[in-house]
Amino acid sequence: MTPVAEKNADRVSRRQVDKFAERRDQLAEAALQTLSELGYARTSLREIAQNSEFSHGVLHYYFSDKVDLITHCVRHYKARCVTRYDGVVATAQTPEELKAGFGRVLVDSLRDEATMHRLWYDLRSQSLFEESFRADVAAIDKSLENMIWRIVSRYAELAGRTITIAPATMYAVFDGLFQQSLARYLSGDDTAADSLADNVDQVLELVIPAR
């Protein structure tokens, strides 16, 4: 094969890979609602197919099994979530703006996408029992930890303050706060979202104290 032919073949191969990845994302988007409503244990590829426009055979072609589909769905969703917070970091010009923006995105996400977050915590709990989930869960956790660190680092920079705890600890604090609020919200507590915003303010003041 000539160098030109090899180059053209490589382009075709990359396009095929990109189209395959794009299709997986489309299928994940369609499957998210069913997964978030039913959870991991009660969902099968056939169940997802019955609740979407795609056939069971199509899902099997693009995903090797239920684990592959669910982990891809959650990674796809969480990657989308991260961009919202990065938008707050990019636009905030004062510590007050960043704190308000962070709290607003958290609260909106809790109210509008509670079942999606429930699916994530379901997946993370399952990873304690199923090794097949662990690498993906670890990768998602790391991306969320990095996101939180970008937020608090920018807040500290805007406020002229020093961060007092490590990234992993910072993530654990906010993740625990959000998970507790999510549990309250799903249990019918109408004050959970507003309390979350107030708690975010308090935590930021505690972990990034004024000099």
C-alpha atoms as a PDB file:
ATOM      1  CA  MET A   1       0.000   0.000   0.000  1.00  0.00           C
ATOM      2  CA  THR A   2       1.330   3.423  -0.948  1.00  0.00           C
ATOM      3  CA  PRO A   3       1.798   6.179   1.685  1.00  0.00           C
ATOM      4  CA  VAL A   4      -1.171   8.070   0.183  1.00  0.00           C
ATOM      5  CA  ALA A   5      -3.377   4.991   0.305  1.00  0.00           C
ATOM      6  CA  GLU A   6      -2.333   4.317   3.911  1.00  0.00           C
ATOM      7  CA  LYS A   7      -3.185   7.900   4.845  1.00  0.00           C
ATOM      8  CA  ASN A   8      -6.609   7.654   3.209  1.00  0.00           C
ATOM      9  CA  ALA A   9      -7.288   4.326   4.909  1.00  0.00           C
ATOM     10  CA  ASP A  10      -6.334   5.859   8.238  1.00  0.00           C
ATOM     11  CA  ARG A  11      -8.786   8.730   7.657  1.00  0.00           C
ATOM     12  CA  VAL A  12     -11.584   6.283   6.864  1.00  0.00           C
ATOM     13  CA  SER A  13     -10.745   4.258   9.966  1.00  0.00           C
ATOM     14  CA  ARG A  14     -10.824   7.352  12.188  1.00  0.00           C
ATOM     15  CA  ARG A  15     -14.161   8.432  10.715  1.00  0.00           C
ATOM     16  CA  GLN A  16     -15.604   4.996  11.407  1.00  0.00           C
ATOM     17  CA  VAL A  17     -14.381   5.125  15.005  1.00  0.00           C
ATOM     18  CA  ASP A  18     -15.794   8.621  15.450  1.00  0.00           C
ATOM     19  CA  LYS A  19     -19.163   7.584  13.997  1.00  0.00           C
ATOM     20  CA  PHE A  20     -19.261   4.516  16.244  1.00  0.00           C
ATOM     21  CA  ALA A  21     -18.499   6.653  19.331  1.00  0.00           C
ATOM     22  CA  GLU A  22     -21.115   9.226  18.297  1.00  0.00           C
ATOM     23  CA  ARG A  23     -23.719   6.506  17.921  1.00  0.00           C
ATOM     24  CA  ARG A  24     -22.893   5.129  21.365  1.00  0.00           C
ATOM     25  CA  ASP A  25     -23.432   8.601  22.809  1.00  0.00           C
ATOM     26  CA  GLN A  26     -26.801   8.888  21.052  1.00  0.00           C
ATOM     27  CA  LEU A  27     -27.905   5.530  22.405  1.00  0.00           C
ATOM     28  CA  ALA A  28     -26.679   6.432  25.886  1.00  0.00           C
ATOM     29  CA  GLU A  29     -28.702   9.634  25.813  1.00  0.00           C
ATOM     30  CA  ALA A  30     -31.820   7.679  24.839  1.00  0.00           C
ATOM     31  CA  ALA A  31     -31.233   5.057  27.540  1.00  0.00           C
ATOM     32  CA  LEU A  32     -30.541   7.442  30.406  1.00  0.00           C
ATOM     33  CA  GLN A  33     -34.170   8.105  31.301  1.00  0.00           C
ATOM     34  CA  THR A  34     -35.069   4.431  31.590  1.00  0.00           C
ATOM     35  CA  LEU A  35     -31.906   3.674  33.547  1.00  0.00           C
ATOM     36  CA  SER A  36     -32.424   6.572  35.930  1.00  0.00           C
ATOM     37  CA  GLU A  37     -36.008   5.549  36.635  1.00  0.00           C
ATOM     38  CA  LEU A  38     -35.418   1.825  37.148  1.00  0.00           C
ATOM     39  CA  GLY A  39     -31.835   1.705  38.445  1.00  0.00           C
ATOM     40  CA  TYR A  40     -29.145  -0.862  37.747  1.00  0.00           C
ATOM     41  CA  ALA A  41     -30.678  -3.984  39.272  1.00  0.00           C
ATOM     42  CA  ARG A  42     -34.069  -3.705  37.522  1.00  0.00           C
ATOM     43  CA  THR A  43     -32.782  -2.724  34.072  1.00  0.00           C
ATOM     44  CA  SER A  44     -31.796  -4.989  31.171  1.00  0.00           C
ATOM     45  CA  LEU A  45     -30.853  -4.184  27.579  1.00  0.00           C
ATOM     46  CA  ARG A  46     -34.234  -5.557  26.536  1.00  0.00           C
ATOM     47  CA  GLU A  47     -36.019  -3.287  29.029  1.00  0.00           C
ATOM     48  CA  ILE A  48     -34.125  -0.277  27.704  1.00  0.00           C
ATOM     49  CA  ALA A  49     -34.960  -1.234  24.118  1.00  0.00           C
ATOM     50  CA  GLN A  50     -38.650  -1.487  24.962  1.00  0.00           C
ATOM     51  CA  ASN A  51     -38.570   2.069  26.335  1.00  0.00           C
ATOM     52  CA  SER A  52     -36.661   3.656  23.461  1.00  0.00           C
ATOM     53  CA  GLU A  53     -36.779   3.860  19.680  1.00  0.00           C
ATOM     54  CA  PHE A  54     -33.871   1.444  19.341  1.00  0.00           C
ATOM     55  CA  SER A  55     -34.079  -2.327  19.027  1.00  0.00           C
ATOM     56  CA  HIS A  56     -32.499  -4.829  21.360  1.00  0.00           C
ATOM     57  CA  GLY A  57     -30.204  -5.891  18.503  1.00  0.00           C
ATOM     58  CA  VAL A  58     -28.950  -2.348  17.952  1.00  0.00           C
ATOM     59  CA  LEU A  59     -28.099  -1.941  21.634  1.00  0.00           C
ATOM     60  CA  HIS A  60     -26.246  -5.256  21.583  1.00  0.00           C
ATOM     61  CA  TYR A  61     -24.258  -4.168  18.542  1.00  0.00           C
ATOM     62  CA  TYR A  62     -22.976  -0.987  20.180  1.00  0.00           C
ATOM     63  CA  PHE A  63     -22.663  -2.262  23.758  1.00  0.00           C
ATOM     64  CA  SER A  64     -21.245  -5.601  24.806  1.00  0.00           C
ATOM     65  CA  ASP A  65     -23.560  -5.949  27.810  1.00  0.00           C
ATOM     66  CA  LYS A  66     -25.568  -4.022  30.400  1.00  0.00           C
ATOM     67  CA  VAL A  67     -22.440  -3.014  32.312  1.00  0.00           C
ATOM     68  CA  ASP A  68     -20.923  -1.468  29.185  1.00  0.00           C
ATOM     69  CA  LEU A  69     -24.119   0.491  28.484  1.00  0.00           C
ATOM     70  CA  ILE A  70     -24.677   1.731  32.031  1.00  0.00           C
ATOM     71  CA  THR A  71     -21.099   2.848  32.602  1.00  0.00           C
ATOM     72  CA  HIS A  72     -21.074   4.633  29.251  1.00  0.00           C
ATOM     73  CA  CYS A  73     -24.386   6.330  30.053  1.00  0.00           C
ATOM     74  CA  VAL A  74     -23.203   7.608  33.415  1.00  0.00           C
ATOM     75  CA  ARG A  75     -19.841   8.775  32.064  1.00  0.00           C
ATOM     76  CA  HIS A  76     -21.647  10.583  29.244  1.00  0.00           C
ATOM     77  CA  TYR A  77     -24.034  12.278  31.672  1.00  0.00           C
ATOM     78  CA  LYS A  78     -21.380  13.264  34.207  1.00  0.00           C
ATOM     79  CA  ALA A  79     -19.129  14.703  31.489  1.00  0.00           C
ATOM     80  CA  ARG A  80     -22.026  16.930  30.491  1.00  0.00           C
ATOM     81  CA  CYS A  81     -22.516  17.989  34.109  1.00  0.00           C
ATOM     82  CA  VAL A  82     -18.864  18.967  34.473  1.00  0.00           C
ATOM     83  CA  THR A  83     -19.135  21.486  31.623  1.00  0.00           C
ATOM     84  CA  ARG A  84     -21.834  23.398  33.521  1.00  0.00           C
ATOM     85  CA  TYR A  85     -19.585  23.952  36.510  1.00  0.00           C
ATOM     86  CA  ASP A  86     -16.641  24.814  34.310  1.00  0.00           C
ATOM     87  CA  GLY A  87     -18.845  27.510  32.793  1.00  0.00           C
ATOM     88  CA  VAL A  88     -19.319  29.022  36.255  1.00  0.00           C
ATOM     89  CA  VAL A  89     -15.559  28.993  36.843  1.00  0.00           C
ATOM     90  CA  ALA A  90     -14.903  30.634  33.481  1.00  0.00           C
ATOM     91  CA  THR A  91     -17.404  33.486  33.895  1.00  0.00           C
ATOM     92  CA  ALA A  92     -17.331  34.399  37.599  1.00  0.00           C
ATOM     93  CA  GLN A  93     -15.429  37.617  38.298  1.00  0.00           C
ATOM     94  CA  THR A  94     -15.896  37.782  42.074  1.00  0.00           C
ATOM     95  CA  PRO A  95     -15.976  35.163  44.850  1.00  0.00           C
ATOM     96  CA  GLU A  96     -19.630  36.020  45.427  1.00  0.00           C
ATOM     97  CA  GLU A  97     -20.484  35.349  41.781  1.00  0.00           C
ATOM     98  CA  LEU A  98     -18.665  32.031  41.818  1.00  0.00           C
ATOM     99  CA  LYS A  99     -20.262  30.909  45.065  1.00  0.00           C
ATOM    100  CA  ALA A 100     -23.728  31.897  43.858  1.00  0.00           C
ATOM    101  CA  GLY A 101     -23.192  30.236  40.471  1.00  0.00           C
ATOM    102  CA  PHE A 102     -21.879  27.034  42.026  1.00  0.00           C
ATOM    103  CA  GLY A 103     -24.821  26.846  44.408  1.00  0.00           C
ATOM    104  CA  ARG A 104     -27.322  27.593  41.640  1.00  0.00           C
ATOM    105  CA  VAL A 105     -26.021  24.845  39.340  1.00  0.00           C
ATOM    106  CA  LEU A 106     -26.000  22.346  42.212  1.00  0.00           C
ATOM    107  CA  VAL A 107     -29.553  23.197  43.213  1.00  0.00           C
ATOM    108  CA  ASP A 108     -30.882  23.147  39.636  1.00  0.00           C
ATOM    109  CA  SER A 109     -29.188  19.805  39.039  1.00  0.00           C
ATOM    110  CA  LEU A 110     -30.690  18.381  42.219  1.00  0.00           C
ATOM    111  CA  ARG A 111     -34.182  19.508  41.309  1.00  0.00           C
ATOM    112  CA  ASP A 112     -34.130  18.749  37.596  1.00  0.00           C
ATOM    113  CA  GLU A 113     -32.006  15.599  37.421  1.00  0.00           C
ATOM    114  CA  ALA A 114     -32.399  13.838  40.750  1.00  0.00           C
ATOM    115  CA  THR A 115     -32.981  10.440  39.156  1.00  0.00           C
ATOM    116  CA  MET A 116     -29.840  10.800  37.041  1.00  0.00           C
ATOM    117  CA  HIS A 117     -27.761  11.416  40.147  1.00  0.00           C
ATOM    118  CA  ARG A 118     -29.475   8.497  41.856  1.00  0.00           C
ATOM    119  CA  LEU A 119     -28.272   6.295  38.985  1.00  0.00           C
ATOM    120  CA  TRP A 120     -24.699   7.482  39.561  1.00  0.00           C
ATOM    121  CA  TYR A 121     -24.808   6.649  43.263  1.00  0.00           C
ATOM    122  CA  ASP A 122     -26.411   3.312  42.418  1.00  0.00           C
ATOM    123  CA  LEU A 123     -23.539   2.552  40.048  1.00  0.00           C
ATOM    124  CA  ARG A 124     -20.946   3.607  42.600  1.00  0.00           C
ATOM    125  CA  SER A 125     -22.524   1.376  45.245  1.00  0.00           C
ATOM    126  CA  GLN A 126     -22.569  -1.546  42.816  1.00  0.00           C
ATOM    127  CA  SER A 127     -18.850  -1.076  42.196  1.00  0.00           C
ATOM    128  CA  LEU A 128     -18.226  -2.199  45.779  1.00  0.00           C
ATOM    129  CA  PHE A 129     -19.533  -5.618  44.736  1.00  0.00           C
ATOM    130  CA  GLU A 130     -18.808  -5.809  41.001  1.00  0.00           C
ATOM    131  CA  GLU A 131     -15.251  -5.372  39.817  1.00  0.00           C
ATOM    132  CA  SER A 132     -16.405  -4.649  36.255  1.00  0.00           C
ATOM    133  CA  PHE A 133     -17.676  -1.234  37.393  1.00  0.00           C
ATOM    134  CA  ARG A 134     -14.645  -0.114  39.364  1.00  0.00           C
ATOM    135  CA  ALA A 135     -12.397   1.387  36.697  1.00  0.00           C
ATOM    136  CA  ASP A 136     -15.219   3.494  35.248  1.00  0.00           C
ATOM    137  CA  VAL A 137     -16.432   4.601  38.657  1.00  0.00           C
ATOM    138  CA  ALA A 138     -12.904   5.581  39.651  1.00  0.00           C
ATOM    139  CA  ALA A 139     -12.516   7.600  36.443  1.00  0.00           C
ATOM    140  CA  ILE A 140     -15.843   9.400  36.975  1.00  0.00           C
ATOM    141  CA  ASP A 141     -15.002  10.097  40.609  1.00  0.00           C
ATOM    142  CA  LYS A 142     -11.649  11.555  39.566  1.00  0.00           C
ATOM    143  CA  SER A 143     -13.254  13.838  36.990  1.00  0.00           C
ATOM    144  CA  LEU A 144     -15.704  15.101  39.609  1.00  0.00           C
ATOM    145  CA  GLU A 145     -12.911  15.595  42.142  1.00  0.00           C
ATOM    146  CA  ASN A 146     -10.992  17.652  39.581  1.00  0.00           C
ATOM    147  CA  MET A 147     -14.115  19.688  38.834  1.00  0.00           C
ATOM    148  CA  ILE A 148     -14.646  20.530  42.505  1.00  0.00           C
ATOM    149  CA  TRP A 149     -10.991  21.444  42.834  1.00  0.00           C
ATOM    150  CA  ARG A 150     -11.238  23.848  39.897  1.00  0.00           C
ATOM    151  CA  ILE A 151     -14.213  25.520  41.547  1.00  0.00           C
ATOM    152  CA  VAL A 152     -12.707  25.939  44.993  1.00  0.00           C
ATOM    153  CA  SER A 153      -9.305  26.917  43.605  1.00  0.00           C
ATOM    154  CA  ARG A 154     -10.903  29.691  41.567  1.00  0.00           C
ATOM    155  CA  TYR A 155     -12.959  30.772  44.564  1.00  0.00           C
ATOM    156  CA  ALA A 156      -9.831  30.952  46.709  1.00  0.00           C
ATOM    157  CA  GLU A 157      -8.040  32.903  43.989  1.00  0.00           C
ATOM    158  CA  LEU A 158     -10.858  35.438  43.636  1.00  0.00           C
ATOM    159  CA  ALA A 159     -11.164  35.802  47.414  1.00  0.00           C
ATOM    160  CA  GLY A 160      -7.413  36.039  47.986  1.00  0.00           C
ATOM    161  CA  ARG A 161      -7.515  33.089  50.363  1.00  0.00           C
ATOM    162  CA  THR A 162      -5.633  29.837  50.923  1.00  0.00           C
ATOM    163  CA  ILE A 163      -7.237  26.392  50.595  1.00  0.00           C
ATOM    164  CA  THR A 164      -6.749  24.403  53.778  1.00  0.00           C
ATOM    165  CA  ILE A 165      -7.577  20.829  52.708  1.00  0.00           C
ATOM    166  CA  ALA A 166      -6.548  18.395  49.956  1.00  0.00           C
ATOM    167  CA  PRO A 167      -8.513  17.836  46.708  1.00  0.00           C
ATOM    168  CA  ALA A 168      -9.768  14.369  47.688  1.00  0.00           C
ATOM    169  CA  THR A 169     -11.037  15.650  51.030  1.00  0.00           C
ATOM    170  CA  MET A 170     -12.660  18.644  49.380  1.00  0.00           C
ATOM    171  CA  TYR A 171     -14.481  16.372  46.967  1.00  0.00           C
ATOM    172  CA  ALA A 172     -15.612  14.062  49.755  1.00  0.00           C
ATOM    173  CA  VAL A 173     -17.124  17.019  51.629  1.00  0.00           C
ATOM    174  CA  PHE A 174     -19.164  18.315  48.701  1.00  0.00           C
ATOM    175  CA  ASP A 175     -20.079  14.856  47.423  1.00  0.00           C
ATOM    176  CA  GLY A 176     -21.345  13.828  50.858  1.00  0.00           C
ATOM    177  CA  LEU A 177     -23.307  17.052  51.156  1.00  0.00           C
ATOM    178  CA  PHE A 178     -24.921  16.546  47.750  1.00  0.00           C
ATOM    179  CA  GLN A 179     -25.726  12.884  48.352  1.00  0.00           C
ATOM    180  CA  GLN A 180     -27.444  13.676  51.664  1.00  0.00           C
ATOM    181  CA  SER A 181     -29.464  16.440  50.012  1.00  0.00           C
ATOM    182  CA  LEU A 182     -30.401  14.092  47.178  1.00  0.00           C
ATOM    183  CA  ALA A 183     -31.668  11.471  49.626  1.00  0.00           C
ATOM    184  CA  ARG A 184     -33.785  14.085  51.396  1.00  0.00           C
ATOM    185  CA  TYR A 185     -35.119  15.449  48.106  1.00  0.00           C
ATOM    186  CA  LEU A 186     -36.095  12.002  46.807  1.00  0.00           C
ATOM    187  CA  SER A 187     -37.846  11.364  50.125  1.00  0.00           C
ATOM    188  CA  GLY A 188     -40.084  14.371  49.528  1.00  0.00           C
ATOM    189  CA  ASP A 189     -38.269  17.004  51.579  1.00  0.00           C
ATOM    190  CA  ASP A 190     -39.090  20.268  49.786  1.00  0.00           C
ATOM    191  CA  THR A 191     -36.441  22.162  51.755  1.00  0.00           C
ATOM    192  CA  ALA A 192     -33.556  19.955  50.619  1.00  0.00           C
ATOM    193  CA  ALA A 193     -32.566  22.057  47.587  1.00  0.00           C
ATOM    194  CA  ASP A 194     -32.593  25.398  49.404  1.00  0.00           C
ATOM    195  CA  SER A 195     -30.696  23.870  52.319  1.00  0.00           C
ATOM    196  CA  LEU A 196     -28.078  22.593  49.873  1.00  0.00           C
ATOM    197  CA  ALA A 197     -27.385  26.122  48.626  1.00  0.00           C
ATOM    198  CA  ASP A 198     -27.026  27.411  52.190  1.00  0.00           C
ATOM    199  CA  ASN A 199     -24.725  24.542  53.122  1.00  0.00           C
ATOM    200  CA  VAL A 200     -22.496  25.190  50.117  1.00  0.00           C
ATOM    201  CA  ASP A 201     -21.938  28.738  51.362  1.00  0.00           C
ATOM    202  CA  GLN A 202     -21.087  27.489  54.844  1.00  0.00           C
ATOM    203  CA  VAL A 203     -18.696  24.805  53.623  1.00  0.00           C
ATOM    204  CA  LEU A 204     -16.791  27.182  51.352  1.00  0.00           C
ATOM    205  CA  GLU A 205     -16.281  29.555  54.269  1.00  0.00           C
ATOM    206  CA  LEU A 206     -15.042  26.696  56.441  1.00  0.00           C
ATOM    207  CA  VAL A 207     -12.619  25.091  54.009  1.00  0.00           C
ATOM    208  CA  ILE A 208     -11.363  28.398  52.566  1.00  0.00           C
ATOM    209  CA  PRO A 209     -11.374  30.686  55.609  1.00  0.00           C
ATOM    210  CA  ALA A 210     -10.708  34.415  55.504  1.00  0.00           C
ATOM    211  CA  ARG A 211      -7.193  35.398  56.514  1.00  0.00           C
END
